[in-house]
PDB file of N, CA and C in Angstrom:
ATOM      1  N   UNK A   1      13.830  12.777   3.177  1.00  0.00           N
ATOM      2  CA  UNK A   1      14.595  11.694   3.286  1.00  0.00           C
ATOM      3  C   UNK A   1      14.659  10.542   2.178  1.00  0.00           C
ATOM      4  N   UNK A   2      15.842  10.459   1.552  1.00  0.00           N
ATOM      5  CA  UNK A   2      15.844   9.548   0.364  1.00  0.00           C
ATOM      6  C   UNK A   2      15.963   8.137   0.781  1.00  0.00           C
ATOM      7  N   UNK A   3      15.168   7.358  -0.192  1.00  0.00           N
ATOM      8  CA  UNK A   3      15.181   5.657   0.442  1.00  0.00           C
ATOM      9  C   UNK A   3      16.424   5.162   0.493  1.00  0.00           C
ATOM     10  N   UNK A   4      17.380   6.117  -0.248  1.00  0.00           N
ATOM     11  CA  UNK A   4      18.776   5.134  -0.307  1.00  0.00           C
ATOM     12  C   UNK A   4      19.902   5.699   0.568  1.00  0.00           C
ATOM     13  N   UNK A   5      19.348   6.698   1.609  1.00  0.00           N
ATOM     14  CA  UNK A   5      20.244   7.360   2.691  1.00  0.00           C
ATOM     15  C   UNK A   5      21.084   6.547   3.406  1.00  0.00           C
ATOM     16  N   UNK A   6      22.195   6.522   3.940  1.00  0.00           N
ATOM     17  CA  UNK A   6      22.869   5.799   4.845  1.00  0.00           C
ATOM     18  C   UNK A   6      22.073   5.758   5.921  1.00  0.00           C
ATOM     19  N   UNK A   7      21.435   6.998   6.693  1.00  0.00           N
ATOM     20  CA  UNK A   7      20.703   7.036   7.900  1.00  0.00           C
ATOM     21  C   UNK A   7      19.845   5.907   8.050  1.00  0.00           C
ATOM     22  N   UNK A   8      18.776   6.339   8.962  1.00  0.00           N
ATOM     23  CA  UNK A   8      17.723   5.177   8.928  1.00  0.00           C
ATOM     24  C   UNK A   8      17.092   4.544   7.809  1.00  0.00           C
ATOM     25  N   UNK A   9      16.673   3.396   7.962  1.00  0.00           N
ATOM     26  CA  UNK A   9      16.128   2.928   6.478  1.00  0.00           C
ATOM     27  C   UNK A   9      14.711   3.362   6.503  1.00  0.00           C
ATOM     28  N   UNK A  10      14.229   4.025   5.116  1.00  0.00           N
ATOM     29  CA  UNK A  10      13.062   4.707   4.947  1.00  0.00           C
ATOM     30  C   UNK A  10      11.897   4.130   5.317  1.00  0.00           C
ATOM     31  N   UNK A  11      11.846   2.672   5.434  1.00  0.00           N
ATOM     32  CA  UNK A  11      10.993   1.789   5.769  1.00  0.00           C
ATOM     33  C   UNK A  11      10.673   1.839   7.374  1.00  0.00           C
ATOM     34  N   UNK A  12      11.892   1.790   8.204  1.00  0.00           N
ATOM     35  CA  UNK A  12      11.761   2.119   9.359  1.00  0.00           C
ATOM     36  C   UNK A  12      11.186   3.557   9.787  1.00  0.00           C
ATOM     37  N   UNK A  13      11.528   4.414   9.150  1.00  0.00           N
ATOM     38  CA  UNK A  13      11.114   6.083   9.397  1.00  0.00           C
ATOM     39  C   UNK A  13       9.695   5.739   8.991  1.00  0.00           C
ATOM     40  N   UNK A  14       9.159   5.454   7.949  1.00  0.00           N
ATOM     41  CA  UNK A  14       7.724   5.461   7.336  1.00  0.00           C
ATOM     42  C   UNK A  14       6.628   4.849   8.451  1.00  0.00           C
ATOM     43  N   UNK A  15       7.430   3.608   9.029  1.00  0.00           N
ATOM     44  CA  UNK A  15       6.557   2.816  10.152  1.00  0.00           C
ATOM     45  C   UNK A  15       6.571   3.789  11.260  1.00  0.00           C
ATOM     46  N   UNK A  16       7.507   4.215  11.772  1.00  0.00           N
ATOM     47  CA  UNK A  16       7.596   4.948  13.001  1.00  0.00           C
ATOM     48  C   UNK A  16       6.393   6.126  12.833  1.00  0.00           C
ATOM     49  N   UNK A  17       6.678   6.719  11.629  1.00  0.00           N
ATOM     50  CA  UNK A  17       5.665   8.146  11.456  1.00  0.00           C
ATOM     51  C   UNK A  17       4.130   7.429  11.245  1.00  0.00           C
ATOM     52  N   UNK A  18       3.854   6.248  10.657  1.00  0.00           N
ATOM     53  CA  UNK A  18       2.798   5.852  10.281  1.00  0.00           C
ATOM     54  C   UNK A  18       2.237   5.508  11.998  1.00  0.00           C
ATOM     55  N   UNK A  19       2.843   4.705  12.797  1.00  0.00           N
ATOM     56  CA  UNK A  19       2.695   4.559  14.235  1.00  0.00           C
ATOM     57  C   UNK A  19       2.218   5.680  15.156  1.00  0.00           C
ATOM     58  N   UNK A  20       2.614   6.765  14.731  1.00  0.00           N
ATOM     59  CA  UNK A  20       2.200   8.129  15.513  1.00  0.00           C
ATOM     60  C   UNK A  20       0.560   8.314  15.689  1.00  0.00           C
ATOM     61  N   UNK A  21       0.082   7.500  14.508  1.00  0.00           N
ATOM     62  CA  UNK A  21      -1.366   7.730  14.420  1.00  0.00           C
ATOM     63  C   UNK A  21      -2.217   6.557  14.756  1.00  0.00           C
ATOM     64  N   UNK A  22      -3.585   6.768  15.132  1.00  0.00           N
ATOM     65  CA  UNK A  22      -4.051   5.662  15.453  1.00  0.00           C
ATOM     66  C   UNK A  22      -5.837   5.952  14.908  1.00  0.00           C
ATOM     67  N   UNK A  23      -6.716   4.927  14.909  1.00  0.00           N
ATOM     68  CA  UNK A  23      -7.884   5.239  14.514  1.00  0.00           C
ATOM     69  C   UNK A  23      -8.775   4.849  15.701  1.00  0.00           C
ATOM     70  N   UNK A  24      -9.697   6.020  15.880  1.00  0.00           N
ATOM     71  CA  UNK A  24     -10.791   5.809  16.998  1.00  0.00           C
ATOM     72  C   UNK A  24     -11.698   5.085  16.664  1.00  0.00           C
ATOM     73  N   UNK A  25     -12.266   4.760  15.454  1.00  0.00           N
ATOM     74  CA  UNK A  25     -13.283   4.033  14.893  1.00  0.00           C
ATOM     75  C   UNK A  25     -12.670   2.269  14.432  1.00  0.00           C
ATOM     76  N   UNK A  26     -11.365   1.905  14.652  1.00  0.00           N
ATOM     77  CA  UNK A  26     -10.834   0.774  14.267  1.00  0.00           C
ATOM     78  C   UNK A  26     -11.622  -0.421  14.673  1.00  0.00           C
ATOM     79  N   UNK A  27     -12.047  -1.342  13.772  1.00  0.00           N
ATOM     80  CA  UNK A  27     -12.974  -2.521  14.297  1.00  0.00           C
ATOM     81  C   UNK A  27     -14.328  -2.056  14.837  1.00  0.00           C
ATOM     82  N   UNK A  28     -14.742  -0.733  14.823  1.00  0.00           N
ATOM     83  CA  UNK A  28     -16.059  -0.412  15.292  1.00  0.00           C
ATOM     84  C   UNK A  28     -17.163  -1.095  14.158  1.00  0.00           C
ATOM     85  N   UNK A  29     -18.611  -0.926  15.013  1.00  0.00           N
ATOM     86  CA  UNK A  29     -19.545  -1.470  13.992  1.00  0.00           C
ATOM     87  C   UNK A  29     -19.532  -0.737  12.782  1.00  0.00           C
ATOM     88  N   UNK A  30     -19.741  -1.389  11.588  1.00  0.00           N
ATOM     89  CA  UNK A  30     -19.704  -0.809  10.316  1.00  0.00           C
ATOM     90  C   UNK A  30     -18.322   0.131   9.844  1.00  0.00           C
ATOM     91  N   UNK A  31     -17.323  -0.406  10.564  1.00  0.00           N
ATOM     92  CA  UNK A  31     -15.989  -0.017  10.194  1.00  0.00           C
ATOM     93  C   UNK A  31     -15.570  -0.631   8.996  1.00  0.00           C
ATOM     94  N   UNK A  32     -15.786  -0.227   7.735  1.00  0.00           N
ATOM     95  CA  UNK A  32     -15.395  -0.802   6.473  1.00  0.00           C
ATOM     96  C   UNK A  32     -14.261  -0.353   5.539  1.00  0.00           C
ATOM     97  N   UNK A  33     -14.065   1.075   5.952  1.00  0.00           N
ATOM     98  CA  UNK A  33     -12.948   1.736   5.441  1.00  0.00           C
ATOM     99  C   UNK A  33     -11.692   1.538   5.412  1.00  0.00           C
ATOM    100  N   UNK A  34     -10.622   1.846   4.724  1.00  0.00           N
ATOM    101  CA  UNK A  34      -9.460   1.358   5.053  1.00  0.00           C
ATOM    102  C   UNK A  34      -8.350   2.780   4.392  1.00  0.00           C
ATOM    103  N   UNK A  35      -7.358   3.026   5.037  1.00  0.00           N
ATOM    104  CA  UNK A  35      -6.028   3.501   4.490  1.00  0.00           C
ATOM    105  C   UNK A  35      -5.040   2.730   3.848  1.00  0.00           C
ATOM    106  N   UNK A  36      -4.456   3.153   2.862  1.00  0.00           N
ATOM    107  CA  UNK A  36      -3.423   2.126   2.216  1.00  0.00           C
ATOM    108  C   UNK A  36      -2.304   2.895   1.591  1.00  0.00           C
ATOM    109  N   UNK A  37      -1.229   2.233   1.699  1.00  0.00           N
ATOM    110  CA  UNK A  37      -0.055   2.995   0.985  1.00  0.00           C
ATOM    111  C   UNK A  37       0.597   1.812  -0.029  1.00  0.00           C
ATOM    112  N   UNK A  38       0.933   2.679  -1.136  1.00  0.00           N
ATOM    113  CA  UNK A  38       1.432   1.825  -2.660  1.00  0.00           C
ATOM    114  C   UNK A  38       2.863   2.471  -2.498  1.00  0.00           C
ATOM    115  N   UNK A  39       3.833   1.601  -2.772  1.00  0.00           N
ATOM    116  CA  UNK A  39       5.206   1.777  -3.021  1.00  0.00           C
ATOM    117  C   UNK A  39       5.320   2.331  -4.337  1.00  0.00           C
ATOM    118  N   UNK A  40       6.062   3.380  -4.876  1.00  0.00           N
ATOM    119  CA  UNK A  40       6.272   4.120  -5.980  1.00  0.00           C
ATOM    120  C   UNK A  40       7.483   3.914  -6.420  1.00  0.00           C
ATOM    121  N   UNK A  41       7.541   3.633  -7.901  1.00  0.00           N
ATOM    122  CA  UNK A  41       8.992   3.614  -8.467  1.00  0.00           C
ATOM    123  C   UNK A  41       9.358   4.359  -9.654  1.00  0.00           C
ATOM    124  N   UNK A  42       9.775   5.301  -9.799  1.00  0.00           N
ATOM    125  CA  UNK A  42      10.067   6.058 -11.189  1.00  0.00           C
ATOM    126  C   UNK A  42      11.459   6.316 -11.226  1.00  0.00           C
ATOM    127  N   UNK A  43      12.326   5.370 -12.079  1.00  0.00           N
ATOM    128  CA  UNK A  43      13.697   5.657 -12.175  1.00  0.00           C
ATOM    129  C   UNK A  43      14.263   6.955 -12.727  1.00  0.00           C
ATOM    130  N   UNK A  44      13.173   7.827 -13.208  1.00  0.00           N
ATOM    131  CA  UNK A  44      13.865   8.829 -13.926  1.00  0.00           C
ATOM    132  C   UNK A  44      13.800  10.137 -12.935  1.00  0.00           C
ATOM    133  N   UNK A  45      13.265  10.018 -11.584  1.00  0.00           N
ATOM    134  CA  UNK A  45      13.432  11.026 -10.416  1.00  0.00           C
ATOM    135  C   UNK A  45      14.643  10.970  -9.985  1.00  0.00           C
ATOM    136  N   UNK A  46      15.032  12.090  -9.343  1.00  0.00           N
ATOM    137  CA  UNK A  46      16.085  12.099  -8.522  1.00  0.00           C
ATOM    138  C   UNK A  46      15.848  11.230  -7.352  1.00  0.00           C
ATOM    139  N   UNK A  47      14.816  11.353  -6.783  1.00  0.00           N
ATOM    140  CA  UNK A  47      14.461  10.265  -5.915  1.00  0.00           C
ATOM    141  C   UNK A  47      13.301   9.253  -6.123  1.00  0.00           C
ATOM    142  N   UNK A  48      14.133   7.847  -6.716  1.00  0.00           N
ATOM    143  CA  UNK A  48      13.301   7.063  -7.563  1.00  0.00           C
ATOM    144  C   UNK A  48      12.148   6.285  -6.684  1.00  0.00           C
ATOM    145  N   UNK A  49      12.236   6.500  -5.479  1.00  0.00           N
ATOM    146  CA  UNK A  49      11.086   5.463  -4.448  1.00  0.00           C
ATOM    147  C   UNK A  49      10.249   6.582  -3.828  1.00  0.00           C
ATOM    148  N   UNK A  50       8.819   6.500  -3.721  1.00  0.00           N
ATOM    149  CA  UNK A  50       8.034   7.058  -2.959  1.00  0.00           C
ATOM    150  C   UNK A  50       6.815   6.477  -2.821  1.00  0.00           C
ATOM    151  N   UNK A  51       5.755   6.944  -1.860  1.00  0.00           N
ATOM    152  CA  UNK A  51       4.571   6.457  -1.858  1.00  0.00           C
ATOM    153  C   UNK A  51       3.537   7.247  -2.132  1.00  0.00           C
ATOM    154  N   UNK A  52       2.331   6.450  -2.327  1.00  0.00           N
ATOM    155  CA  UNK A  52       1.033   7.082  -2.445  1.00  0.00           C
ATOM    156  C   UNK A  52       0.158   6.782  -1.161  1.00  0.00           C
ATOM    157  N   UNK A  53      -0.485   7.668  -0.618  1.00  0.00           N
ATOM    158  CA  UNK A  53      -1.290   7.430   0.285  1.00  0.00           C
ATOM    159  C   UNK A  53      -2.804   7.759  -0.243  1.00  0.00           C
ATOM    160  N   UNK A  54      -3.834   6.619   0.238  1.00  0.00           N
ATOM    161  CA  UNK A  54      -5.049   6.798  -0.410  1.00  0.00           C
ATOM    162  C   UNK A  54      -5.953   6.009   0.733  1.00  0.00           C
ATOM    163  N   UNK A  55      -7.508   6.127   0.566  1.00  0.00           N
ATOM    164  CA  UNK A  55      -8.370   5.368   1.379  1.00  0.00           C
ATOM    165  C   UNK A  55      -9.272   4.771   0.584  1.00  0.00           C
ATOM    166  N   UNK A  56     -10.253   3.821   1.195  1.00  0.00           N
ATOM    167  CA  UNK A  56     -11.092   3.061   0.225  1.00  0.00           C
ATOM    168  C   UNK A  56     -12.327   2.439   0.931  1.00  0.00           C
ATOM    169  N   UNK A  57     -13.285   2.328   0.549  1.00  0.00           N
ATOM    170  CA  UNK A  57     -14.235   1.450   1.090  1.00  0.00           C
ATOM    171  C   UNK A  57     -14.047   0.065   0.592  1.00  0.00           C
ATOM    172  N   UNK A  58     -13.396  -0.025  -0.440  1.00  0.00           N
ATOM    173  CA  UNK A  58     -13.143  -1.651  -0.841  1.00  0.00           C
ATOM    174  C   UNK A  58     -11.596  -2.073  -0.251  1.00  0.00           C
ATOM    175  N   UNK A  59     -11.344  -3.243  -0.681  1.00  0.00           N
ATOM    176  CA  UNK A  59     -10.292  -4.353  -0.386  1.00  0.00           C
ATOM    177  C   UNK A  59      -9.172  -3.299  -0.641  1.00  0.00           C
ATOM    178  N   UNK A  60      -8.143  -2.826   0.125  1.00  0.00           N
ATOM    179  CA  UNK A  60      -7.062  -2.273  -0.607  1.00  0.00           C
ATOM    180  C   UNK A  60      -6.302  -2.920  -1.827  1.00  0.00           C
ATOM    181  N   UNK A  61      -6.113  -4.210  -1.628  1.00  0.00           N
ATOM    182  CA  UNK A  61      -5.834  -4.981  -2.874  1.00  0.00           C
ATOM    183  C   UNK A  61      -6.482  -4.997  -3.924  1.00  0.00           C
ATOM    184  N   UNK A  62      -7.801  -4.792  -4.153  1.00  0.00           N
ATOM    185  CA  UNK A  62      -8.484  -4.499  -5.174  1.00  0.00           C
ATOM    186  C   UNK A  62      -8.530  -3.002  -5.393  1.00  0.00           C
ATOM    187  N   UNK A  63      -8.681  -1.964  -4.634  1.00  0.00           N
ATOM    188  CA  UNK A  63      -8.234  -0.684  -4.976  1.00  0.00           C
ATOM    189  C   UNK A  63      -6.984  -0.568  -5.823  1.00  0.00           C
ATOM    190  N   UNK A  64      -6.113  -1.314  -5.268  1.00  0.00           N
ATOM    191  CA  UNK A  64      -4.724  -1.264  -5.772  1.00  0.00           C
ATOM    192  C   UNK A  64      -4.422  -1.544  -7.323  1.00  0.00           C
ATOM    193  N   UNK A  65      -5.225  -2.736  -7.511  1.00  0.00           N
ATOM    194  CA  UNK A  65      -5.758  -3.179  -8.864  1.00  0.00           C
ATOM    195  C   UNK A  65      -6.457  -2.460  -9.847  1.00  0.00           C
ATOM    196  N   UNK A  66      -7.204  -1.703  -9.076  1.00  0.00           N
ATOM    197  CA  UNK A  66      -7.955  -0.758 -10.035  1.00  0.00           C
ATOM    198  C   UNK A  66      -7.116   0.370 -10.234  1.00  0.00           C
ATOM    199  N   UNK A  67      -6.291   0.756  -9.374  1.00  0.00           N
ATOM    200  CA  UNK A  67      -5.470   1.964  -9.793  1.00  0.00           C
ATOM    201  C   UNK A  67      -4.569   1.651 -11.135  1.00  0.00           C
ATOM    202  N   UNK A  68      -4.010   0.513 -11.180  1.00  0.00           N
ATOM    203  CA  UNK A  68      -3.237  -0.308 -11.913  1.00  0.00           C
ATOM    204  C   UNK A  68      -4.158  -0.209 -13.285  1.00  0.00           C
ATOM    205  N   UNK A  69      -5.420  -0.461 -13.180  1.00  0.00           N
ATOM    206  CA  UNK A  69      -5.996  -0.894 -14.264  1.00  0.00           C
ATOM    207  C   UNK A  69      -6.620   0.887 -14.908  1.00  0.00           C
ATOM    208  N   UNK A  70      -6.335   1.764 -14.196  1.00  0.00           N
ATOM    209  CA  UNK A  70      -6.849   3.215 -14.621  1.00  0.00           C
ATOM    210  C   UNK A  70      -8.277   3.557 -14.035  1.00  0.00           C
ATOM    211  N   UNK A  71      -8.697   2.649 -13.276  1.00  0.00           N
ATOM    212  CA  UNK A  71     -10.036   2.901 -12.838  1.00  0.00           C
ATOM    213  C   UNK A  71      -9.977   3.994 -11.724  1.00  0.00           C
ATOM    214  N   UNK A  72     -10.599   5.342 -11.966  1.00  0.00           N
ATOM    215  CA  UNK A  72     -10.430   6.354 -10.949  1.00  0.00           C
ATOM    216  C   UNK A  72      -8.926   6.246 -10.284  1.00  0.00           C
ATOM    217  N   UNK A  73      -7.996   6.353 -11.051  1.00  0.00           N
ATOM    218  CA  UNK A  73      -6.597   5.942 -10.871  1.00  0.00           C
ATOM    219  C   UNK A  73      -5.991   7.409 -10.750  1.00  0.00           C
ATOM    220  N   UNK A  74      -5.115   7.247  -9.634  1.00  0.00           N
ATOM    221  CA  UNK A  74      -3.974   8.175  -9.327  1.00  0.00           C
ATOM    222  C   UNK A  74      -3.102   7.769 -10.517  1.00  0.00           C
ATOM    223  N   UNK A  75      -2.413   8.777 -11.346  1.00  0.00           N
ATOM    224  CA  UNK A  75      -1.698   8.788 -12.264  1.00  0.00           C
ATOM    225  C   UNK A  75      -0.262   8.093 -11.714  1.00  0.00           C
ATOM    226  N   UNK A  76      -0.134   8.510 -10.534  1.00  0.00           N
ATOM    227  CA  UNK A  76       1.266   7.932  -9.640  1.00  0.00           C
ATOM    228  C   UNK A  76       1.154   6.641  -9.700  1.00  0.00           C
ATOM    229  N   UNK A  77      -0.002   6.082  -9.127  1.00  0.00           N
ATOM    230  CA  UNK A  77      -0.034   4.692  -8.984  1.00  0.00           C
ATOM    231  C   UNK A  77       0.025   3.846 -10.313  1.00  0.00           C
ATOM    232  N   UNK A  78      -1.119   4.408 -11.071  1.00  0.00           N
ATOM    233  CA  UNK A  78      -0.959   3.584 -12.388  1.00  0.00           C
ATOM    234  C   UNK A  78       0.123   3.354 -13.184  1.00  0.00           C
ATOM    235  N   UNK A  79       1.067   4.301 -12.994  1.00  0.00           N
ATOM    236  CA  UNK A  79       2.411   4.399 -13.779  1.00  0.00           C
ATOM    237  C   UNK A  79       3.374   3.920 -13.078  1.00  0.00           C
ATOM    238  N   UNK A  80       3.522   4.134 -11.727  1.00  0.00           N
ATOM    239  CA  UNK A  80       4.877   3.958 -10.800  1.00  0.00           C
ATOM    240  C   UNK A  80       4.376   2.814  -9.760  1.00  0.00           C
ATOM    241  N   UNK A  81       3.091   2.425  -9.536  1.00  0.00           N
ATOM    242  CA  UNK A  81       2.744   1.380  -8.310  1.00  0.00           C
ATOM    243  C   UNK A  81       3.299   0.210  -8.552  1.00  0.00           C
ATOM    244  N   UNK A  82       4.427  -0.048  -7.498  1.00  0.00           N
ATOM    245  CA  UNK A  82       4.943  -1.362  -7.437  1.00  0.00           C
ATOM    246  C   UNK A  82       3.991  -2.433  -6.743  1.00  0.00           C
ATOM    247  N   UNK A  83       3.710  -2.160  -5.476  1.00  0.00           N
ATOM    248  CA  UNK A  83       2.880  -2.937  -4.449  1.00  0.00           C
ATOM    249  C   UNK A  83       2.405  -2.131  -3.197  1.00  0.00           C
ATOM    250  N   UNK A  84       1.455  -2.634  -2.510  1.00  0.00           N
ATOM    251  CA  UNK A  84       0.944  -2.124  -1.272  1.00  0.00           C
ATOM    252  C   UNK A  84       2.087  -2.356  -0.345  1.00  0.00           C
ATOM    253  N   UNK A  85       2.191  -1.466   0.822  1.00  0.00           N
ATOM    254  CA  UNK A  85       2.825  -1.438   2.136  1.00  0.00           C
ATOM    255  C   UNK A  85       1.691  -1.673   3.176  1.00  0.00           C
ATOM    256  N   UNK A  86       1.203  -2.714   3.322  1.00  0.00           N
ATOM    257  CA  UNK A  86      -0.001  -3.294   4.382  1.00  0.00           C
ATOM    258  C   UNK A  86       0.648  -2.926   5.611  1.00  0.00           C
ATOM    259  N   UNK A  87       1.792  -3.069   5.931  1.00  0.00           N
ATOM    260  CA  UNK A  87       2.642  -2.991   7.116  1.00  0.00           C
ATOM    261  C   UNK A  87       2.616  -1.701   7.880  1.00  0.00           C
ATOM    262  N   UNK A  88       2.370  -0.670   7.010  1.00  0.00           N
ATOM    263  CA  UNK A  88       2.296   0.698   7.314  1.00  0.00           C
ATOM    264  C   UNK A  88       0.809   1.154   8.088  1.00  0.00           C
ATOM    265  N   UNK A  89      -0.427   0.415   7.572  1.00  0.00           N
ATOM    266  CA  UNK A  89      -1.517   0.804   7.777  1.00  0.00           C
ATOM    267  C   UNK A  89      -2.427  -0.588   8.645  1.00  0.00           C
ATOM    268  N   UNK A  90      -1.538  -1.498   8.819  1.00  0.00           N
ATOM    269  CA  UNK A  90      -2.591  -2.674   9.609  1.00  0.00           C
ATOM    270  C   UNK A  90      -2.996  -2.472  11.084  1.00  0.00           C
ATOM    271  N   UNK A  91      -2.298  -1.350  11.632  1.00  0.00           N
ATOM    272  CA  UNK A  91      -2.788  -1.032  12.751  1.00  0.00           C
ATOM    273  C   UNK A  91      -4.012  -0.053  12.775  1.00  0.00           C
ATOM    274  N   UNK A  92      -4.219   0.509  11.762  1.00  0.00           N
ATOM    275  CA  UNK A  92      -5.425   1.671  11.662  1.00  0.00           C
ATOM    276  C   UNK A  92      -6.676   0.742  11.040  1.00  0.00           C
ATOM    277  N   UNK A  93      -6.598  -0.282  10.280  1.00  0.00           N
ATOM    278  CA  UNK A  93      -7.878  -0.851   9.560  1.00  0.00           C
ATOM    279  C   UNK A  93      -8.577  -1.691  10.490  1.00  0.00           C
ATOM    280  N   UNK A  94      -9.851  -1.979   9.872  1.00  0.00           N
ATOM    281  CA  UNK A  94     -10.654  -1.013   9.053  1.00  0.00           C
ATOM    282  C   UNK A  94     -11.064   0.097  10.117  1.00  0.00           C
ATOM    283  N   UNK A  95     -11.735   0.930   9.484  1.00  0.00           N
ATOM    284  CA  UNK A  95     -12.307   2.067  10.236  1.00  0.00           C
ATOM    285  C   UNK A  95     -13.604   2.570   9.623  1.00  0.00           C
ATOM    286  N   UNK A  96     -14.437   4.015  10.194  1.00  0.00           N
ATOM    287  CA  UNK A  96     -15.549   4.324   9.506  1.00  0.00           C
ATOM    288  C   UNK A  96     -14.767   5.219   8.497  1.00  0.00           C
ATOM    289  N   UNK A  97     -15.819   5.671   7.361  1.00  0.00           N
ATOM    290  CA  UNK A  97     -15.509   6.463   6.343  1.00  0.00           C
ATOM    291  C   UNK A  97     -14.676   7.805   6.635  1.00  0.00           C
ATOM    292  N   UNK A  98     -15.618   8.546   7.681  1.00  0.00           N
ATOM    293  CA  UNK A  98     -15.027   9.653   7.867  1.00  0.00           C
ATOM    294  C   UNK A  98     -13.691   9.852   8.580  1.00  0.00           C
ATOM    295  N   UNK A  99     -13.443   8.889   9.340  1.00  0.00           N
ATOM    296  CA  UNK A  99     -12.030   8.782   9.865  1.00  0.00           C
ATOM    297  C   UNK A  99     -10.983   8.581   8.517  1.00  0.00           C
ATOM    298  N   UNK A 100     -11.412   7.295   7.822  1.00  0.00           N
ATOM    299  CA  UNK A 100     -10.338   7.171   6.667  1.00  0.00           C
ATOM    300  C   UNK A 100     -10.113   8.272   5.936  1.00  0.00           C
ATOM    301  N   UNK A 101     -10.935   9.252   5.707  1.00  0.00           N
ATOM    302  CA  UNK A 101     -10.694  10.719   5.076  1.00  0.00           C
ATOM    303  C   UNK A 101      -9.751  11.257   5.664  1.00  0.00           C
ATOM    304  N   UNK A 102      -9.958  11.501   7.122  1.00  0.00           N
ATOM    305  CA  UNK A 102      -8.827  12.200   7.967  1.00  0.00           C
ATOM    306  C   UNK A 102      -7.611  11.476   8.044  1.00  0.00           C
ATOM    307  N   UNK A 103      -7.630  10.397   8.139  1.00  0.00           N
ATOM    308  CA  UNK A 103      -6.304   9.629   8.327  1.00  0.00           C
ATOM    309  C   UNK A 103      -5.445   9.574   7.008  1.00  0.00           C
ATOM    310  N   UNK A 104      -6.351   9.670   5.919  1.00  0.00           N
ATOM    311  CA  UNK A 104      -5.615   9.785   4.635  1.00  0.00           C
ATOM    312  C   UNK A 104      -4.368  11.015   4.520  1.00  0.00           C
ATOM    313  N   UNK A 105      -4.945  11.901   4.967  1.00  0.00           N
ATOM    314  CA  UNK A 105      -4.251  13.155   5.003  1.00  0.00           C
ATOM    315  C   UNK A 105      -3.421  13.206   6.128  1.00  0.00           C
ATOM    316  N   UNK A 106      -3.700  12.676   6.876  1.00  0.00           N
ATOM    317  CA  UNK A 106      -2.726  12.780   8.523  1.00  0.00           C
ATOM    318  C   UNK A 106      -1.618  11.838   8.116  1.00  0.00           C
ATOM    319  N   UNK A 107      -1.769  10.721   7.577  1.00  0.00           N
ATOM    320  CA  UNK A 107      -0.495   9.784   7.344  1.00  0.00           C
ATOM    321  C   UNK A 107       0.362  10.552   6.229  1.00  0.00           C
ATOM    322  N   UNK A 108      -0.145  10.967   4.946  1.00  0.00           N
ATOM    323  CA  UNK A 108       0.541  11.516   3.989  1.00  0.00           C
ATOM    324  C   UNK A 108       1.372  12.883   4.905  1.00  0.00           C
ATOM    325  N   UNK A 109       0.861  13.446   5.308  1.00  0.00           N
ATOM    326  CA  UNK A 109       1.441  14.415   6.323  1.00  0.00           C
ATOM    327  C   UNK A 109       2.543  14.003   7.250  1.00  0.00           C
ATOM    328  N   UNK A 110       2.275  13.009   7.895  1.00  0.00           N
ATOM    329  CA  UNK A 110       3.445  12.329   8.831  1.00  0.00           C
ATOM    330  C   UNK A 110       4.514  11.892   7.998  1.00  0.00           C
ATOM    331  N   UNK A 111       4.338  11.152   6.980  1.00  0.00           N
ATOM    332  CA  UNK A 111       5.345  10.742   5.967  1.00  0.00           C
ATOM    333  C   UNK A 111       6.290  11.881   5.646  1.00  0.00           C
ATOM    334  N   UNK A 112       5.696  12.888   5.175  1.00  0.00           N
ATOM    335  CA  UNK A 112       6.440  14.168   4.556  1.00  0.00           C
ATOM    336  C   UNK A 112       7.201  14.965   5.791  1.00  0.00           C
ATOM    337  N   UNK A 113       6.614  15.008   6.863  1.00  0.00           N
ATOM    338  CA  UNK A 113       7.043  15.607   8.105  1.00  0.00           C
ATOM    339  C   UNK A 113       8.519  14.730   8.598  1.00  0.00           C
ATOM    340  N   UNK A 114       8.268  13.565   8.362  1.00  0.00           N
ATOM    341  CA  UNK A 114       9.380  12.534   8.620  1.00  0.00           C
ATOM    342  C   UNK A 114      10.550  12.594   7.590  1.00  0.00           C
ATOM    343  N   UNK A 115      10.296  13.210   6.727  1.00  0.00           N
ATOM    344  CA  UNK A 115      11.419  13.431   5.733  1.00  0.00           C
ATOM    345  C   UNK A 115      11.393  12.819   4.438  1.00  0.00           C
ATOM    346  N   UNK A 116      10.354  12.182   4.252  1.00  0.00           N
ATOM    347  CA  UNK A 116      10.033  10.889   2.954  1.00  0.00           C
ATOM    348  C   UNK A 116       9.912  11.870   1.783  1.00  0.00           C
ATOM    349  N   UNK A 117      10.926  11.906   0.869  1.00  0.00           N
ATOM    350  CA  UNK A 117      10.881  12.742  -0.092  1.00  0.00           C
ATOM    351  C   UNK A 117       9.751  12.768  -1.205  1.00  0.00           C
ATOM    352  N   UNK A 118       9.113  11.792  -1.541  1.00  0.00           N
ATOM    353  CA  UNK A 118       8.349  11.663  -2.575  1.00  0.00           C
ATOM    354  C   UNK A 118       6.760  11.114  -1.921  1.00  0.00           C
ATOM    355  N   UNK A 119       6.031  11.853  -1.633  1.00  0.00           N
ATOM    356  CA  UNK A 119       4.889  11.379  -1.079  1.00  0.00           C
ATOM    357  C   UNK A 119       3.572  12.020  -1.846  1.00  0.00           C
ATOM    358  N   UNK A 120       2.683  11.144  -2.416  1.00  0.00           N
ATOM    359  CA  UNK A 120       1.604  11.401  -3.240  1.00  0.00           C
ATOM    360  C   UNK A 120       0.329  11.037  -2.574  1.00  0.00           C
ATOM    361  N   UNK A 121      -0.689  11.734  -2.896  1.00  0.00           N
ATOM    362  CA  UNK A 121      -2.095  11.611  -2.498  1.00  0.00           C
ATOM    363  C   UNK A 121      -2.117  12.231  -1.060  1.00  0.00           C
ATOM    364  N   UNK A 122      -3.224  11.682  -0.467  1.00  0.00           N
ATOM    365  CA  UNK A 122      -3.336  12.378   0.920  1.00  0.00           C
ATOM    366  C   UNK A 122      -4.067  13.280   1.098  1.00  0.00           C
ATOM    367  N   UNK A 123      -5.020  13.514   0.195  1.00  0.00           N
ATOM    368  CA  UNK A 123      -5.941  14.648  -0.170  1.00  0.00           C
ATOM    369  C   UNK A 123      -7.395  14.179   0.013  1.00  0.00           C
TER     370      UNK A 123
END
């Protein structure tokens, strides 16, 4: 699904896909990890809008800033990152580390299965 399609708005589709997931360790004792989604924009692509899915033991805002500064950075976020989309992950965070790793991959796959054309990360 392209972000500019006439069909359902991409954010509604992404939110619906994200809400199919839940975190069993959400707010558990020692739950300090988060999954996050960054909005990407590359005007040279056929589909200029995309998403990067990651997980971190840090504050997602700090991790996004680190990506932008090049620290352990995904090239996609460093070059094309616009902002975080916390509304897609608020219902999941925080969680334990093992679950953040699992949900990072599951979230990226949910976006791909929903038809989002450009999804990075999730490994």
